[in-house]
C-alpha atoms as a PDB file:
ATOM      1  CA  UNK A   1     -14.500  67.274   4.754  1.00  0.00           C
ATOM      2  CA  UNK A   2     -11.545  66.831   7.071  1.00  0.00           C
ATOM      3  CA  UNK A   3      -9.161  63.944   6.835  1.00  0.00           C
ATOM      4  CA  UNK A   4     -10.371  62.691  10.222  1.00  0.00           C
ATOM      5  CA  UNK A   5     -14.026  62.763   9.129  1.00  0.00           C
ATOM      6  CA  UNK A   6     -13.225  60.989   5.861  1.00  0.00           C
ATOM      7  CA  UNK A   7     -11.234  58.367   7.745  1.00  0.00           C
ATOM      8  CA  UNK A   8     -14.185  57.746  10.157  1.00  0.00           C
ATOM      9  CA  UNK A   9     -16.730  57.411   7.349  1.00  0.00           C
ATOM     10  CA  UNK A  10     -14.520  54.937   5.499  1.00  0.00           C
ATOM     11  CA  UNK A  11     -13.726  52.970   8.648  1.00  0.00           C
ATOM     12  CA  UNK A  12     -14.511  49.246   8.380  1.00  0.00           C
ATOM     13  CA  UNK A  13     -16.090  49.514  11.874  1.00  0.00           C
ATOM     14  CA  UNK A  14     -18.924  51.725  10.636  1.00  0.00           C
ATOM     15  CA  UNK A  15     -21.081  48.931   9.121  1.00  0.00           C
ATOM     16  CA  UNK A  16     -20.708  46.943  12.340  1.00  0.00           C
ATOM     17  CA  UNK A  17     -21.754  49.937  14.427  1.00  0.00           C
ATOM     18  CA  UNK A  18     -24.739  50.596  12.165  1.00  0.00           C
ATOM     19  CA  UNK A  19     -25.776  46.946  12.291  1.00  0.00           C
ATOM     20  CA  UNK A  20     -25.533  46.876  16.090  1.00  0.00           C
ATOM     21  CA  UNK A  21     -27.661  50.007  16.346  1.00  0.00           C
ATOM     22  CA  UNK A  22     -30.275  48.544  13.991  1.00  0.00           C
ATOM     23  CA  UNK A  23     -30.459  45.297  15.992  1.00  0.00           C
ATOM     24  CA  UNK A  24     -30.816  47.251  19.241  1.00  0.00           C
ATOM     25  CA  UNK A  25     -33.699  49.241  17.787  1.00  0.00           C
ATOM     26  CA  UNK A  26     -35.443  46.112  16.499  1.00  0.00           C
ATOM     27  CA  UNK A  27     -35.121  44.320  19.826  1.00  0.00           C
ATOM     28  CA  UNK A  28     -36.272  47.281  21.903  1.00  0.00           C
ATOM     29  CA  UNK A  29     -39.740  47.265  23.463  1.00  0.00           C
ATOM     30  CA  UNK A  30     -42.376  48.721  21.127  1.00  0.00           C
ATOM     31  CA  UNK A  31     -42.836  52.409  21.657  1.00  0.00           C
ATOM     32  CA  UNK A  32     -46.119  53.536  23.151  1.00  0.00           C
ATOM     33  CA  UNK A  33     -48.518  55.338  20.828  1.00  0.00           C
ATOM     34  CA  UNK A  34     -49.426  58.899  21.692  1.00  0.00           C
ATOM     35  CA  UNK A  35     -51.452  59.046  24.916  1.00  0.00           C
ATOM     36  CA  UNK A  36     -54.709  60.084  23.224  1.00  0.00           C
ATOM     37  CA  UNK A  37     -54.414  57.342  20.610  1.00  0.00           C
ATOM     38  CA  UNK A  38     -53.691  54.714  23.241  1.00  0.00           C
ATOM     39  CA  UNK A  39     -56.555  55.911  25.448  1.00  0.00           C
ATOM     40  CA  UNK A  40     -58.934  55.503  22.515  1.00  0.00           C
ATOM     41  CA  UNK A  41     -57.572  52.038  21.743  1.00  0.00           C
ATOM     42  CA  UNK A  42     -58.062  50.908  25.335  1.00  0.00           C
ATOM     43  CA  UNK A  43     -61.550  52.390  25.513  1.00  0.00           C
ATOM     44  CA  UNK A  44     -62.609  50.523  22.360  1.00  0.00           C
ATOM     45  CA  UNK A  45     -61.096  47.296  23.671  1.00  0.00           C
ATOM     46  CA  UNK A  46     -62.967  47.607  26.972  1.00  0.00           C
ATOM     47  CA  UNK A  47     -66.228  48.437  25.230  1.00  0.00           C
ATOM     48  CA  UNK A  48     -67.082  44.776  24.705  1.00  0.00           C
ATOM     49  CA  UNK A  49     -66.085  43.650  28.210  1.00  0.00           C
ATOM     50  CA  UNK A  50     -67.133  46.465  30.546  1.00  0.00           C
ATOM     51  CA  UNK A  51     -70.761  47.559  30.762  1.00  0.00           C
ATOM     52  CA  UNK A  52     -71.126  51.087  32.064  1.00  0.00           C
ATOM     53  CA  UNK A  53     -72.832  54.390  31.333  1.00  0.00           C
ATOM     54  CA  UNK A  54     -69.662  56.462  30.988  1.00  0.00           C
ATOM     55  CA  UNK A  55     -65.953  55.709  30.865  1.00  0.00           C
ATOM     56  CA  UNK A  56     -62.958  58.015  31.026  1.00  0.00           C
ATOM     57  CA  UNK A  57     -59.300  57.012  30.669  1.00  0.00           C
ATOM     58  CA  UNK A  58     -56.226  59.080  31.468  1.00  0.00           C
ATOM     59  CA  UNK A  59     -52.619  58.186  30.696  1.00  0.00           C
ATOM     60  CA  UNK A  60     -49.661  60.051  32.145  1.00  0.00           C
ATOM     61  CA  UNK A  61     -46.360  59.472  30.439  1.00  0.00           C
ATOM     62  CA  UNK A  62     -43.139  59.210  32.420  1.00  0.00           C
ATOM     63  CA  UNK A  63     -41.190  62.372  31.551  1.00  0.00           C
ATOM     64  CA  UNK A  64     -37.921  60.853  32.710  1.00  0.00           C
ATOM     65  CA  UNK A  65     -38.439  57.614  30.754  1.00  0.00           C
ATOM     66  CA  UNK A  66     -39.975  58.326  27.348  1.00  0.00           C
ATOM     67  CA  UNK A  67     -42.069  55.429  26.095  1.00  0.00           C
ATOM     68  CA  UNK A  68     -43.150  54.360  29.591  1.00  0.00           C
ATOM     69  CA  UNK A  69     -46.337  55.184  31.477  1.00  0.00           C
ATOM     70  CA  UNK A  70     -46.279  56.808  34.875  1.00  0.00           C
ATOM     71  CA  UNK A  71     -49.932  56.002  35.505  1.00  0.00           C
ATOM     72  CA  UNK A  72     -53.060  54.687  33.818  1.00  0.00           C
ATOM     73  CA  UNK A  73     -56.374  55.690  35.376  1.00  0.00           C
ATOM     74  CA  UNK A  74     -59.981  54.680  34.698  1.00  0.00           C
ATOM     75  CA  UNK A  75     -63.182  56.321  35.848  1.00  0.00           C
ATOM     76  CA  UNK A  76     -66.406  54.372  35.322  1.00  0.00           C
ATOM     77  CA  UNK A  77     -69.981  55.441  36.034  1.00  0.00           C
ATOM     78  CA  UNK A  78     -72.912  53.091  36.601  1.00  0.00           C
ATOM     79  CA  UNK A  79     -70.707  50.085  35.933  1.00  0.00           C
ATOM     80  CA  UNK A  80     -72.084  46.557  36.153  1.00  0.00           C
ATOM     81  CA  UNK A  81     -69.993  44.309  38.418  1.00  0.00           C
ATOM     82  CA  UNK A  82     -71.630  40.910  38.551  1.00  0.00           C
ATOM     83  CA  UNK A  83     -75.216  41.483  39.705  1.00  0.00           C
ATOM     84  CA  UNK A  84     -74.274  44.820  41.248  1.00  0.00           C
ATOM     85  CA  UNK A  85     -74.268  48.183  39.494  1.00  0.00           C
ATOM     86  CA  UNK A  86     -71.754  50.465  41.200  1.00  0.00           C
ATOM     87  CA  UNK A  87     -72.474  54.180  40.927  1.00  0.00           C
ATOM     88  CA  UNK A  88     -68.791  55.033  40.510  1.00  0.00           C
ATOM     89  CA  UNK A  89     -65.578  53.074  40.165  1.00  0.00           C
ATOM     90  CA  UNK A  90     -61.989  54.217  39.793  1.00  0.00           C
ATOM     91  CA  UNK A  91     -58.979  52.082  38.939  1.00  0.00           C
ATOM     92  CA  UNK A  92     -55.434  53.448  38.786  1.00  0.00           C
ATOM     93  CA  UNK A  93     -52.281  51.582  37.847  1.00  0.00           C
ATOM     94  CA  UNK A  94     -48.870  53.031  38.684  1.00  0.00           C
ATOM     95  CA  UNK A  95     -46.049  52.304  36.232  1.00  0.00           C
ATOM     96  CA  UNK A  96     -48.143  49.835  34.245  1.00  0.00           C
ATOM     97  CA  UNK A  97     -46.892  47.671  31.398  1.00  0.00           C
ATOM     98  CA  UNK A  98     -49.717  46.759  29.059  1.00  0.00           C
ATOM     99  CA  UNK A  99     -49.844  44.010  26.455  1.00  0.00           C
ATOM    100  CA  UNK A 100     -49.577  46.079  23.268  1.00  0.00           C
ATOM    101  CA  UNK A 101     -49.571  43.035  20.976  1.00  0.00           C
ATOM    102  CA  UNK A 102     -52.834  41.795  22.459  1.00  0.00           C
ATOM    103  CA  UNK A 103     -54.329  45.286  22.304  1.00  0.00           C
ATOM    104  CA  UNK A 104     -53.359  45.793  18.644  1.00  0.00           C
ATOM    105  CA  UNK A 105     -54.079  42.300  17.349  1.00  0.00           C
ATOM    106  CA  UNK A 106     -56.899  40.904  19.496  1.00  0.00           C
ATOM    107  CA  UNK A 107     -58.362  44.281  20.538  1.00  0.00           C
ATOM    108  CA  UNK A 108     -58.211  43.140  24.163  1.00  0.00           C
ATOM    109  CA  UNK A 109     -56.826  45.081  27.119  1.00  0.00           C
ATOM    110  CA  UNK A 110     -54.491  43.450  29.625  1.00  0.00           C
ATOM    111  CA  UNK A 111     -51.989  44.813  32.134  1.00  0.00           C
ATOM    112  CA  UNK A 112     -48.899  42.623  32.302  1.00  0.00           C
ATOM    113  CA  UNK A 113     -47.483  44.275  35.409  1.00  0.00           C
ATOM    114  CA  UNK A 114     -47.642  47.409  37.543  1.00  0.00           C
ATOM    115  CA  UNK A 115     -45.954  48.720  40.658  1.00  0.00           C
ATOM    116  CA  UNK A 116     -49.305  49.366  42.320  1.00  0.00           C
ATOM    117  CA  UNK A 117     -53.038  49.294  41.675  1.00  0.00           C
ATOM    118  CA  UNK A 118     -55.611  51.392  43.533  1.00  0.00           C
ATOM    119  CA  UNK A 119     -59.332  50.616  43.302  1.00  0.00           C
ATOM    120  CA  UNK A 120     -62.323  52.499  44.694  1.00  0.00           C
ATOM    121  CA  UNK A 121     -65.964  51.449  44.303  1.00  0.00           C
ATOM    122  CA  UNK A 122     -68.881  53.613  45.454  1.00  0.00           C
ATOM    123  CA  UNK A 123     -72.315  52.013  45.863  1.00  0.00           C
ATOM    124  CA  UNK A 124     -75.370  54.059  46.830  1.00  0.00           C
ATOM    125  CA  UNK A 125     -78.139  52.768  49.097  1.00  0.00           C
ATOM    126  CA  UNK A 126     -80.492  52.504  46.109  1.00  0.00           C
ATOM    127  CA  UNK A 127     -77.933  50.482  44.136  1.00  0.00           C
ATOM    128  CA  UNK A 128     -77.366  48.219  47.137  1.00  0.00           C
ATOM    129  CA  UNK A 129     -81.119  47.634  47.459  1.00  0.00           C
ATOM    130  CA  UNK A 130     -81.301  46.683  43.779  1.00  0.00           C
ATOM    131  CA  UNK A 131     -78.335  44.344  44.230  1.00  0.00           C
ATOM    132  CA  UNK A 132     -80.048  42.596  47.152  1.00  0.00           C
ATOM    133  CA  UNK A 133     -83.180  42.214  45.022  1.00  0.00           C
ATOM    134  CA  UNK A 134     -81.123  40.732  42.165  1.00  0.00           C
ATOM    135  CA  UNK A 135     -79.349  38.317  44.526  1.00  0.00           C
ATOM    136  CA  UNK A 136     -82.697  37.265  46.015  1.00  0.00           C
ATOM    137  CA  UNK A 137     -84.049  36.478  42.550  1.00  0.00           C
ATOM    138  CA  UNK A 138     -80.877  34.574  41.734  1.00  0.00           C
ATOM    139  CA  UNK A 139     -81.231  32.506  44.906  1.00  0.00           C
ATOM    140  CA  UNK A 140     -85.006  32.229  44.448  1.00  0.00           C
ATOM    141  CA  UNK A 141     -85.680  33.971  47.727  1.00  0.00           C
ATOM    142  CA  UNK A 142     -88.477  36.439  48.443  1.00  0.00           C
ATOM    143  CA  UNK A 143     -88.895  39.242  50.931  1.00  0.00           C
ATOM    144  CA  UNK A 144     -91.663  41.766  51.569  1.00  0.00           C
ATOM    145  CA  UNK A 145     -89.513  44.842  52.176  1.00  0.00           C
ATOM    146  CA  UNK A 146     -85.863  45.848  52.399  1.00  0.00           C
ATOM    147  CA  UNK A 147     -84.650  49.441  52.757  1.00  0.00           C
ATOM    148  CA  UNK A 148     -81.174  50.795  53.508  1.00  0.00           C
ATOM    149  CA  UNK A 149     -79.996  54.155  54.825  1.00  0.00           C
ATOM    150  CA  UNK A 150     -76.392  55.204  55.423  1.00  0.00           C
ATOM    151  CA  UNK A 151     -75.660  56.762  58.810  1.00  0.00           C
ATOM    152  CA  UNK A 152     -71.844  56.580  59.170  1.00  0.00           C
ATOM    153  CA  UNK A 153     -70.377  54.372  60.447  1.00  0.00           C
ATOM    154  CA  UNK A 154     -73.545  52.263  60.113  1.00  0.00           C
ATOM    155  CA  UNK A 155     -75.762  51.066  57.311  1.00  0.00           C
ATOM    156  CA  UNK A 156     -79.259  51.018  58.782  1.00  0.00           C
ATOM    157  CA  UNK A 157     -81.450  48.306  57.357  1.00  0.00           C
ATOM    158  CA  UNK A 158     -85.210  47.872  57.789  1.00  0.00           C
ATOM    159  CA  UNK A 159     -86.637  44.576  56.619  1.00  0.00           C
ATOM    160  CA  UNK A 160     -89.692  42.337  56.451  1.00  0.00           C
ATOM    161  CA  UNK A 161     -88.862  38.752  55.481  1.00  0.00           C
ATOM    162  CA  UNK A 162     -91.214  35.723  55.501  1.00  0.00           C
ATOM    163  CA  UNK A 163     -90.001  33.054  57.922  1.00  0.00           C
ATOM    164  CA  UNK A 164     -90.335  30.512  55.124  1.00  0.00           C
ATOM    165  CA  UNK A 165     -87.440  32.219  53.288  1.00  0.00           C
ATOM    166  CA  UNK A 166     -85.015  31.911  56.206  1.00  0.00           C
ATOM    167  CA  UNK A 167     -82.489  29.059  56.210  1.00  0.00           C
ATOM    168  CA  UNK A 168     -83.335  26.215  58.649  1.00  0.00           C
ATOM    169  CA  UNK A 169     -80.147  26.904  60.610  1.00  0.00           C
ATOM    170  CA  UNK A 170     -80.980  30.585  61.138  1.00  0.00           C
ATOM    171  CA  UNK A 171     -84.644  29.798  61.727  1.00  0.00           C
ATOM    172  CA  UNK A 172     -83.747  27.475  64.588  1.00  0.00           C
ATOM    173  CA  UNK A 173     -81.705  30.213  66.262  1.00  0.00           C
ATOM    174  CA  UNK A 174     -84.359  32.915  65.769  1.00  0.00           C
ATOM    175  CA  UNK A 175     -87.488  30.813  66.297  1.00  0.00           C
ATOM    176  CA  UNK A 176     -88.702  32.572  69.455  1.00  0.00           C
ATOM    177  CA  UNK A 177     -88.492  35.999  67.759  1.00  0.00           C
ATOM    178  CA  UNK A 178     -90.781  35.073  64.865  1.00  0.00           C
ATOM    179  CA  UNK A 179     -94.242  36.609  64.973  1.00  0.00           C
ATOM    180  CA  UNK A 180     -96.946  36.306  62.343  1.00  0.00           C
ATOM    181  CA  UNK A 181     -94.792  34.036  60.212  1.00  0.00           C
ATOM    182  CA  UNK A 182     -92.193  36.712  59.462  1.00  0.00           C
ATOM    183  CA  UNK A 183     -89.086  38.477  60.677  1.00  0.00           C
ATOM    184  CA  UNK A 184     -89.648  42.215  60.664  1.00  0.00           C
ATOM    185  CA  UNK A 185     -87.245  44.679  62.159  1.00  0.00           C
ATOM    186  CA  UNK A 186     -84.153  46.843  62.096  1.00  0.00           C
ATOM    187  CA  UNK A 187     -80.384  46.298  62.046  1.00  0.00           C
ATOM    188  CA  UNK A 188     -77.432  48.703  62.317  1.00  0.00           C
ATOM    189  CA  UNK A 189     -74.602  47.125  60.328  1.00  0.00           C
ATOM    190  CA  UNK A 190     -70.886  47.688  59.896  1.00  0.00           C
ATOM    191  CA  UNK A 191     -68.894  45.867  57.246  1.00  0.00           C
ATOM    192  CA  UNK A 192     -65.479  44.306  56.787  1.00  0.00           C
ATOM    193  CA  UNK A 193     -63.806  42.939  53.674  1.00  0.00           C
ATOM    194  CA  UNK A 194     -60.953  40.540  53.091  1.00  0.00           C
ATOM    195  CA  UNK A 195     -59.886  39.139  49.734  1.00  0.00           C
ATOM    196  CA  UNK A 196     -63.231  40.210  48.216  1.00  0.00           C
ATOM    197  CA  UNK A 197     -65.242  38.437  50.953  1.00  0.00           C
ATOM    198  CA  UNK A 198     -67.747  40.621  52.821  1.00  0.00           C
ATOM    199  CA  UNK A 199     -68.635  40.242  56.484  1.00  0.00           C
ATOM    200  CA  UNK A 200     -71.151  42.177  58.574  1.00  0.00           C
ATOM    201  CA  UNK A 201     -71.271  43.007  62.261  1.00  0.00           C
ATOM    202  CA  UNK A 202     -74.169  44.562  64.111  1.00  0.00           C
ATOM    203  CA  UNK A 203     -74.352  46.395  67.395  1.00  0.00           C
ATOM    204  CA  UNK A 204     -78.159  46.435  67.332  1.00  0.00           C
ATOM    205  CA  UNK A 205     -80.784  44.165  65.799  1.00  0.00           C
ATOM    206  CA  UNK A 206     -84.494  44.359  66.579  1.00  0.00           C
ATOM    207  CA  UNK A 207     -86.785  41.531  65.434  1.00  0.00           C
ATOM    208  CA  UNK A 208     -90.539  41.942  65.850  1.00  0.00           C
ATOM    209  CA  UNK A 209     -89.934  44.505  68.620  1.00  0.00           C
ATOM    210  CA  UNK A 210     -87.449  42.278  70.489  1.00  0.00           C
ATOM    211  CA  UNK A 211     -83.831  43.371  70.931  1.00  0.00           C
ATOM    212  CA  UNK A 212     -81.542  40.471  69.990  1.00  0.00           C
ATOM    213  CA  UNK A 213     -79.072  39.631  72.807  1.00  0.00           C
ATOM    214  CA  UNK A 214     -75.378  40.252  72.086  1.00  0.00           C
ATOM    215  CA  UNK A 215     -74.537  36.581  72.661  1.00  0.00           C
ATOM    216  CA  UNK A 216     -76.950  35.519  69.904  1.00  0.00           C
ATOM    217  CA  UNK A 217     -75.703  38.268  67.590  1.00  0.00           C
ATOM    218  CA  UNK A 218     -72.133  37.056  67.932  1.00  0.00           C
ATOM    219  CA  UNK A 219     -73.191  33.477  67.252  1.00  0.00           C
ATOM    220  CA  UNK A 220     -75.084  34.533  64.110  1.00  0.00           C
ATOM    221  CA  UNK A 221     -72.113  36.550  62.883  1.00  0.00           C
ATOM    222  CA  UNK A 222     -69.730  33.665  63.483  1.00  0.00           C
ATOM    223  CA  UNK A 223     -71.927  31.193  61.612  1.00  0.00           C
ATOM    224  CA  UNK A 224     -72.972  33.315  58.640  1.00  0.00           C
ATOM    225  CA  UNK A 225     -69.895  35.463  57.899  1.00  0.00           C
ATOM    226  CA  UNK A 226     -68.625  36.083  55.332  1.00  0.00           C
ATOM    227  CA  UNK A 227     -72.083  36.486  53.841  1.00  0.00           C
ATOM    228  CA  UNK A 228     -71.194  37.570  50.285  1.00  0.00           C
ATOM    229  CA  UNK A 229     -68.306  38.380  47.961  1.00  0.00           C
ATOM    230  CA  UNK A 230     -67.475  41.396  45.832  1.00  0.00           C
ATOM    231  CA  UNK A 231     -67.304  40.389  42.150  1.00  0.00           C
ATOM    232  CA  UNK A 232     -64.106  41.312  40.298  1.00  0.00           C
ATOM    233  CA  UNK A 233     -64.661  43.308  37.126  1.00  0.00           C
ATOM    234  CA  UNK A 234     -62.682  41.742  34.291  1.00  0.00           C
ATOM    235  CA  UNK A 235     -60.145  42.545  32.858  1.00  0.00           C
ATOM    236  CA  UNK A 236     -59.113  44.379  36.025  1.00  0.00           C
ATOM    237  CA  UNK A 237     -57.618  42.298  38.799  1.00  0.00           C
ATOM    238  CA  UNK A 238     -57.996  43.443  42.390  1.00  0.00           C
ATOM    239  CA  UNK A 239     -58.792  42.284  45.898  1.00  0.00           C
ATOM    240  CA  UNK A 240     -61.192  44.292  48.061  1.00  0.00           C
ATOM    241  CA  UNK A 241     -59.905  44.549  51.634  1.00  0.00           C
ATOM    242  CA  UNK A 242     -61.511  47.747  52.878  1.00  0.00           C
ATOM    243  CA  UNK A 243     -65.122  48.873  53.240  1.00  0.00           C
ATOM    244  CA  UNK A 244     -66.606  51.884  54.989  1.00  0.00           C
ATOM    245  CA  UNK A 245     -69.976  53.580  55.206  1.00  0.00           C
ATOM    246  CA  UNK A 246     -70.025  57.174  53.978  1.00  0.00           C
ATOM    247  CA  UNK A 247     -72.890  59.672  53.969  1.00  0.00           C
ATOM    248  CA  UNK A 248     -74.099  58.752  50.485  1.00  0.00           C
ATOM    249  CA  UNK A 249     -72.156  55.640  49.563  1.00  0.00           C
ATOM    250  CA  UNK A 250     -70.713  52.358  50.660  1.00  0.00           C
ATOM    251  CA  UNK A 251     -67.021  52.678  49.779  1.00  0.00           C
ATOM    252  CA  UNK A 252     -65.072  49.558  48.799  1.00  0.00           C
ATOM    253  CA  UNK A 253     -61.314  49.678  48.293  1.00  0.00           C
ATOM    254  CA  UNK A 254     -58.268  47.481  48.051  1.00  0.00           C
END
């Protein structure tokens, strides 16, 4: 050992340096577990909160900043969101910071912060029909028939609804189109979303073989929009602001 090395090891500054290093390590943010281990932890934590057929989770570590995540992505199939079962749902956080203490101790998943979140929800016509049926039961409303077909950019809806199930306000506006005590017809709908609220616009509505005038359509849309809201799947936090009709799905996004 050289004289310089021996002098450094015996320096009275060494304990102070070691102590400072130890304190820095203790105060540092907890290191992330290996990606696979963390993915499994999150999946188990979500198991009690998220009802779905299949779930996949992918973590990408930040190569330039070890111990930090570049992205955290979820893919869910047949996931229950309120009364609706979405065929597919994806959620991706960029640069997320998750609550490791809560995950380890309470077995609950929570994102403390992220630079961005991207959400996509795909709902088939069949799933949408089942959702409408569930909402009708919830509201104690009945209808004879309701079918939906996607023809981008429209969702084509054929319906047969007893007049007794229509709200008094709408009934007053549509009174002269009612035949045989029911409203039967067709509507071509386009949708908009803002802060999870859904609105519908129609360029064509036929009731009991009568084409509804544009003036009446606009009045109905003004009075009854937004007509529904998109439930938020906990523990995710998002706001749906985009909706479009695709060939096989209604696509909701933030």
